[in-house]
Amino acid sequence: MAEATRTFTKSTAKMHRDMKFVADTFGTFLVDAFHLLALFAIGATTVWSAAAAFLEMVQRGHAGLPDILLLFIYLELGAMVGIYFKTTRLPVRYLLYIAITALARVLIELVSAEHKTGNDLIIVAGATLLLSFAVLILRYASNKFPAHD
């Protein structure tokens, strides 16, 4: 009787390991498939939006500085998606670069619309400076304390 119990326990444990392996493999496949589909969707949306903005500039017959900065934002988004696709690591610095460029667009629009300085101008410039310091800190930290795989 003890031998039958031991055999049953071993076979049940093996079946459990096999089921867990299949479930883990299938789950990893589903997560990776969603990951790739989402990256392709984000990349395609970025290209689509950049093309639409560019065509709008062509129809107007000129591009202003905010329009050019918008194209840089799309470029950074595309680069960020590409890096994430290749390395599966989100480059936080690119998000900061995008935010700095977006704030530069706001700053240009504030100056060109009002032609005066004010609290809004100081706040946007301060936020840009703060993000620049964040980039500096991240670059220093990544050089001083590199990540190991």
Protein backbone atom coordinates (compact mmCIF):
# COMPACT_ATOMS: atom_id res chain seq x y z
CA MET A 1 0.00 0.00 0.00
CA ALA A 2 2.85 2.38 0.84
CA GLU A 3 4.47 1.72 -2.55
CA ALA A 4 1.22 2.53 -4.36
CA THR A 5 0.87 5.78 -2.39
CA ARG A 6 4.47 6.77 -3.18
CA THR A 7 3.97 6.02 -6.90
CA PHE A 8 0.71 7.97 -6.93
CA THR A 9 2.37 10.93 -5.17
CA LYS A 10 5.31 10.96 -7.61
CA SER A 11 3.09 10.76 -10.68
CA THR A 12 0.79 13.47 -9.31
CA ALA A 13 3.77 15.74 -8.58
CA LYS A 14 5.13 15.15 -12.10
CA MET A 15 1.75 15.90 -13.63
CA HIS A 16 1.55 19.08 -11.56
CA ARG A 17 5.01 20.19 -12.75
CA ASP A 18 4.07 19.45 -16.36
CA MET A 19 0.78 21.36 -16.07
CA LYS A 20 2.58 24.31 -14.48
CA PHE A 21 5.20 24.28 -17.23
CA VAL A 22 2.51 24.30 -19.95
CA ALA A 23 0.54 27.05 -18.19
CA ASP A 24 3.68 29.19 -17.69
CA THR A 25 4.75 28.70 -21.30
CA PHE A 26 1.30 29.57 -22.64
CA GLY A 27 1.02 32.56 -20.31
CA THR A 28 4.43 33.85 -21.40
CA PHE A 29 3.38 33.43 -25.03
CA LEU A 30 0.18 35.44 -24.47
CA VAL A 31 2.02 38.23 -22.63
CA ASP A 32 4.71 38.44 -25.32
CA ALA A 33 2.09 38.43 -28.09
CA PHE A 34 0.18 41.27 -26.42
CA HIS A 35 3.45 43.12 -25.84
CA LEU A 36 4.41 42.93 -29.51
CA LEU A 37 0.93 43.84 -30.75
CA ALA A 38 0.80 46.84 -28.43
CA LEU A 39 4.26 48.00 -29.55
CA PHE A 40 3.28 47.73 -33.21
CA ALA A 41 0.04 49.63 -32.50
CA ILE A 42 1.91 52.40 -30.68
CA GLY A 43 4.54 52.58 -33.42
CA ALA A 44 1.94 52.67 -36.18
CA THR A 45 -0.04 55.36 -34.35
CA THR A 46 3.11 57.44 -33.95
CA VAL A 47 3.94 57.17 -37.65
CA TRP A 48 0.34 57.90 -38.60
CA SER A 49 0.17 60.98 -36.36
CA ALA A 50 3.54 62.28 -37.58
CA ALA A 51 2.48 61.83 -41.21
CA ALA A 52 -0.82 63.62 -40.57
CA ALA A 53 0.98 66.53 -38.87
CA PHE A 54 3.49 66.71 -41.72
CA LEU A 55 0.74 66.70 -44.38
CA GLU A 56 -1.03 69.48 -42.50
CA MET A 57 2.19 71.52 -42.60
CA VAL A 58 2.53 70.86 -46.33
CA GLN A 59 -1.06 71.99 -46.93
CA ARG A 60 -0.40 75.22 -44.99
CA GLY A 61 2.68 75.81 -47.08
CA HIS A 62 4.98 76.45 -44.12
CA ALA A 63 6.04 75.00 -40.81
CA GLY A 64 6.55 77.05 -37.70
CA LEU A 65 8.90 76.28 -34.85
CA PRO A 66 6.13 74.58 -32.79
CA ASP A 67 5.43 72.33 -35.80
CA ILE A 68 9.07 71.32 -36.08
CA LEU A 69 9.22 70.62 -32.35
CA LEU A 70 6.11 68.47 -32.72
CA LEU A 71 7.93 66.41 -35.35
CA PHE A 72 10.82 66.02 -32.89
CA ILE A 73 8.34 64.72 -30.31
CA TYR A 74 7.14 62.12 -32.81
CA LEU A 75 10.76 61.23 -33.57
CA GLU A 76 11.51 60.69 -29.88
CA LEU A 77 8.36 58.59 -29.46
CA GLY A 78 9.40 56.44 -32.42
CA ALA A 79 12.92 56.04 -31.05
CA MET A 80 11.54 55.14 -27.64
CA VAL A 81 9.27 52.46 -29.15
CA GLY A 82 12.19 51.11 -31.18
CA ILE A 83 14.46 50.89 -28.15
CA TYR A 84 11.73 49.27 -26.08
CA PHE A 85 11.07 46.79 -28.90
CA LYS A 86 14.75 45.77 -29.07
CA THR A 87 15.62 45.78 -25.37
CA THR A 88 12.26 45.49 -23.54
CA ARG A 89 13.46 48.34 -21.33
CA LEU A 90 11.65 51.65 -21.22
CA PRO A 91 14.16 54.48 -21.71
CA VAL A 92 12.94 57.01 -19.14
CA ARG A 93 15.29 59.66 -20.49
CA TYR A 94 13.35 59.69 -23.75
CA LEU A 95 10.17 60.47 -21.85
CA LEU A 96 11.98 63.38 -20.23
CA TYR A 97 13.23 64.58 -23.62
CA ILE A 98 9.67 64.46 -24.93
CA ALA A 99 8.44 66.44 -21.93
CA ILE A 100 11.20 69.05 -22.38
CA THR A 101 10.34 69.41 -26.07
CA ALA A 102 6.63 69.73 -25.25
CA LEU A 103 7.42 72.42 -22.70
CA ALA A 104 9.56 74.21 -25.30
CA ARG A 105 6.53 74.24 -27.61
CA VAL A 106 4.40 75.70 -24.83
CA LEU A 107 7.08 78.29 -24.10
CA ILE A 108 7.24 79.34 -27.74
CA GLU A 109 3.46 79.61 -27.94
CA LEU A 110 3.35 81.69 -24.75
CA VAL A 111 5.97 84.11 -26.00
CA SER A 112 4.54 84.38 -29.51
CA ALA A 113 0.95 84.82 -28.31
CA GLU A 114 1.45 87.30 -25.49
CA HIS A 115 4.81 88.92 -26.31
CA LYS A 116 5.36 89.53 -22.64
CA THR A 117 6.83 87.77 -19.66
CA GLY A 118 4.71 86.53 -16.81
CA ASN A 119 4.23 83.83 -14.25
CA ASP A 120 3.30 81.29 -16.93
CA LEU A 121 6.62 81.85 -18.65
CA ILE A 122 8.57 81.43 -15.41
CA ILE A 123 6.66 78.28 -14.47
CA VAL A 124 7.25 76.62 -17.85
CA ALA A 125 10.92 77.63 -17.85
CA GLY A 126 11.30 76.30 -14.29
CA ALA A 127 9.66 73.01 -15.23
CA THR A 128 12.03 72.70 -18.19
CA LEU A 129 15.00 73.36 -15.93
CA LEU A 130 13.74 70.77 -13.43
CA LEU A 131 13.37 68.14 -16.17
CA SER A 132 16.85 68.99 -17.45
CA PHE A 133 18.27 68.36 -13.99
CA ALA A 134 16.37 65.05 -13.89
CA VAL A 135 18.04 64.04 -17.18
CA LEU A 136 21.42 65.05 -15.77
CA ILE A 137 20.85 62.98 -12.63
CA LEU A 138 19.70 59.95 -14.64
CA ARG A 139 22.71 60.15 -16.96
CA TYR A 140 25.09 60.48 -14.03
CA ALA A 141 23.45 57.61 -12.14
CA SER A 142 23.43 55.30 -15.17
CA ASN A 143 27.15 55.96 -15.75
CA LYS A 144 28.11 55.71 -12.08
CA PHE A 145 25.88 52.72 -11.28
CA PRO A 146 25.33 50.73 -14.51
CA ALA A 147 22.58 48.12 -14.56
CA HIS A 148 23.73 44.53 -14.76
CA ASP A 149 21.67 41.89 -16.51
